[in-house]
Amino acid sequence: MKETIVKLLTILVFLPQILFCQTEKKETLYFAQFNIENLFDAVDDPAIDDAEFLPESEKFWTEGKVNVKLNNLAKVINYMNSGKGPDVLSIEEVENFNMMKRLCYALKDREYIPAHRESKDTRGIDVGWITL
């Protein structure tokens, strides 16, 4: 009986602290969506129509231009969520999983994990997600 009373008193003493005292602010997740407008590499993929984004195209799409685009996208993404970047980012118009990985690498201050989904689009425009 004495043991039961001690347990009950312990619960009554600590229960209010457990229920009403939070030591840390509850964290929220920041979700964002971004159409990155044709994030293509400069390598020909015979399975899709990516001729517009090759070095010999009218755009003269080169590896240097790809890197500039990746760095510019990284700046915009890093600016989201008051400079903390999103926790989850939905992405449209990416060519392939490799470009998703390269985008995550450009966001090197954070350890994003890429996910990618192939579409049936003949140009190879796909969607992806990055998350922490």
Foldseek 3Di string as FASTA:
>chain_A
DVVVVVVVVVCVVCVCCVPPPDPDDDDDFFEEEDALDALEAQDDDVQAPQQCQHCPHPVNRHNVNSVVSLLVVLVVQCPPPVRNGGQKYKYWFHQDVVSQVVSCVSVVVDRWDKDWDFDPHRRRITIIMIHD
